[in-house]
Amino acid sequence: MKTPYEVQQEIARIERLLPHLISDQGERAEEILGFHVAGLYASAPVSEHGLIGERVLHMQGLCREAANAPDPAALPLLAAAQPQWA
């Protein structure tokens, strides 16, 4: 069982990892985040579950926002693929 301090340290570690997950894994970032969070819930005391839930909601929102954002690299390609009407 982790101490409350260890839980906070683990949450901070996951928060630092999140931008890398989003950039490397894209749409799978939320799923991978879920695996990390499940492990944290399993090792944290019940008294810390509320804190974990609050912080995870924010991280899930970031994952969903990134998954729904248009891919900036694909935008010029999409513009070039449009038919040109003269």
C-alpha atoms as a PDB file:
ATOM      1  CA  MET A   1       0.000   0.000   0.000  1.00  0.00           C
ATOM      2  CA  LYS A   2       1.378   3.390  -0.990  1.00  0.00           C
ATOM      3  CA  THR A   3       1.456   6.283   1.421  1.00  0.00           C
ATOM      4  CA  PRO A   4      -0.448   9.475   0.531  1.00  0.00           C
ATOM      5  CA  TYR A   5       2.888  11.095  -0.340  1.00  0.00           C
ATOM      6  CA  GLU A   6       3.773   8.227  -2.694  1.00  0.00           C
ATOM      7  CA  VAL A   7       0.349   8.518  -4.335  1.00  0.00           C
ATOM      8  CA  GLN A   8       0.932  12.222  -4.974  1.00  0.00           C
ATOM      9  CA  GLN A   9       4.379  11.457  -6.387  1.00  0.00           C
ATOM     10  CA  GLU A  10       2.923   8.816  -8.700  1.00  0.00           C
ATOM     11  CA  ILE A  11       0.193  11.193  -9.910  1.00  0.00           C
ATOM     12  CA  ALA A  12       2.857  13.819 -10.641  1.00  0.00           C
ATOM     13  CA  ARG A  13       4.877  11.217 -12.565  1.00  0.00           C
ATOM     14  CA  ILE A  14       1.852  10.275 -14.667  1.00  0.00           C
ATOM     15  CA  GLU A  15       1.116  13.960 -15.327  1.00  0.00           C
ATOM     16  CA  ARG A  16       4.690  14.431 -16.580  1.00  0.00           C
ATOM     17  CA  LEU A  17       4.348  11.323 -18.745  1.00  0.00           C
ATOM     18  CA  LEU A  18       1.035  12.409 -20.291  1.00  0.00           C
ATOM     19  CA  PRO A  19       2.343  14.810 -22.979  1.00  0.00           C
ATOM     20  CA  HIS A  20       4.695  12.079 -24.190  1.00  0.00           C
ATOM     21  CA  LEU A  21       1.864   9.550 -24.255  1.00  0.00           C
ATOM     22  CA  ILE A  22      -0.287  11.925 -26.279  1.00  0.00           C
ATOM     23  CA  SER A  23       2.436  12.754 -28.792  1.00  0.00           C
ATOM     24  CA  ASP A  24       3.676   9.169 -29.169  1.00  0.00           C
ATOM     25  CA  GLN A  25       0.444   7.184 -28.922  1.00  0.00           C
ATOM     26  CA  GLY A  26      -2.197   9.632 -30.137  1.00  0.00           C
ATOM     27  CA  GLU A  27      -5.674   8.159 -29.771  1.00  0.00           C
ATOM     28  CA  ARG A  28      -4.402   5.312 -27.570  1.00  0.00           C
ATOM     29  CA  ALA A  29      -3.120   7.742 -24.917  1.00  0.00           C
ATOM     30  CA  GLU A  30      -6.322   7.588 -22.860  1.00  0.00           C
ATOM     31  CA  GLU A  31      -6.277   3.788 -22.885  1.00  0.00           C
ATOM     32  CA  ILE A  32      -2.644   3.695 -21.750  1.00  0.00           C
ATOM     33  CA  LEU A  33      -3.395   6.310 -19.095  1.00  0.00           C
ATOM     34  CA  GLY A  34      -6.116   3.976 -17.833  1.00  0.00           C
ATOM     35  CA  PHE A  35      -3.600   1.179 -17.261  1.00  0.00           C
ATOM     36  CA  HIS A  36      -1.350   3.482 -15.229  1.00  0.00           C
ATOM     37  CA  VAL A  37      -4.291   4.774 -13.204  1.00  0.00           C
ATOM     38  CA  ALA A  38      -5.649   1.276 -12.542  1.00  0.00           C
ATOM     39  CA  GLY A  39      -2.313   0.297 -11.041  1.00  0.00           C
ATOM     40  CA  LEU A  40      -2.319   3.421  -8.920  1.00  0.00           C
ATOM     41  CA  TYR A  41      -5.860   2.768  -7.651  1.00  0.00           C
ATOM     42  CA  ALA A  42      -4.869  -0.798  -6.759  1.00  0.00           C
ATOM     43  CA  SER A  43      -1.900   0.312  -4.677  1.00  0.00           C
ATOM     44  CA  ALA A  44      -3.392   3.449  -3.092  1.00  0.00           C
ATOM     45  CA  PRO A  45      -5.361   3.601   0.145  1.00  0.00           C
ATOM     46  CA  VAL A  46      -9.092   4.189  -0.271  1.00  0.00           C
ATOM     47  CA  SER A  47      -8.713   7.605   1.351  1.00  0.00           C
ATOM     48  CA  GLU A  48      -6.682   8.737  -1.695  1.00  0.00           C
ATOM     49  CA  HIS A  49      -9.098   7.490  -4.370  1.00  0.00           C
ATOM     50  CA  GLY A  50     -10.970  10.814  -4.471  1.00  0.00           C
ATOM     51  CA  LEU A  51      -7.764  12.748  -5.130  1.00  0.00           C
ATOM     52  CA  ILE A  52      -6.763  10.303  -7.845  1.00  0.00           C
ATOM     53  CA  GLY A  53     -10.172  10.602  -9.492  1.00  0.00           C
ATOM     54  CA  GLU A  54     -10.041  14.403  -9.563  1.00  0.00           C
ATOM     55  CA  ARG A  55      -6.592  14.524 -11.131  1.00  0.00           C
ATOM     56  CA  VAL A  56      -7.366  11.750 -13.607  1.00  0.00           C
ATOM     57  CA  LEU A  57     -10.476  13.546 -14.905  1.00  0.00           C
ATOM     58  CA  HIS A  58      -8.293  16.443 -15.972  1.00  0.00           C
ATOM     59  CA  MET A  59      -5.772  14.118 -17.637  1.00  0.00           C
ATOM     60  CA  GLN A  60      -8.534  12.235 -19.474  1.00  0.00           C
ATOM     61  CA  GLY A  61      -9.853  15.543 -20.761  1.00  0.00           C
ATOM     62  CA  LEU A  62      -6.432  16.372 -22.185  1.00  0.00           C
ATOM     63  CA  CYS A  63      -6.277  12.973 -23.891  1.00  0.00           C
ATOM     64  CA  ARG A  64      -9.732  13.396 -25.429  1.00  0.00           C
ATOM     65  CA  GLU A  65      -8.972  16.943 -26.522  1.00  0.00           C
ATOM     66  CA  ALA A  66      -5.795  15.788 -28.259  1.00  0.00           C
ATOM     67  CA  ALA A  67      -7.560  12.823 -29.884  1.00  0.00           C
ATOM     68  CA  ASN A  68     -10.277  15.093 -31.293  1.00  0.00           C
ATOM     69  CA  ALA A  69      -7.889  17.791 -32.532  1.00  0.00           C
ATOM     70  CA  PRO A  70      -7.160  17.837 -36.251  1.00  0.00           C
ATOM     71  CA  ASP A  71      -3.713  16.615 -37.212  1.00  0.00           C
ATOM     72  CA  PRO A  72      -1.770  19.741 -38.202  1.00  0.00           C
ATOM     73  CA  ALA A  73       0.508  17.702 -40.487  1.00  0.00           C
ATOM     74  CA  ALA A  74      -2.504  16.505 -42.491  1.00  0.00           C
ATOM     75  CA  LEU A  75      -4.042  19.938 -43.040  1.00  0.00           C
ATOM     76  CA  PRO A  76      -1.884  20.982 -46.033  1.00  0.00           C
ATOM     77  CA  LEU A  77      -2.460  17.576 -47.610  1.00  0.00           C
ATOM     78  CA  LEU A  78      -6.207  17.976 -47.222  1.00  0.00           C
ATOM     79  CA  ALA A  79      -6.066  21.421 -48.800  1.00  0.00           C
ATOM     80  CA  ALA A  80      -4.012  20.080 -51.716  1.00  0.00           C
ATOM     81  CA  ALA A  81      -6.434  17.205 -52.220  1.00  0.00           C
ATOM     82  CA  GLN A  82      -9.393  19.561 -52.723  1.00  0.00           C
ATOM     83  CA  PRO A  83     -10.553  19.876 -56.330  1.00  0.00           C
ATOM     84  CA  GLN A  84      -9.712  23.199 -57.886  1.00  0.00           C
ATOM     85  CA  TRP A  85     -12.665  24.718 -59.726  1.00  0.00           C
ATOM     86  CA  ALA A  86     -11.594  27.321 -62.230  1.00  0.00           C
END
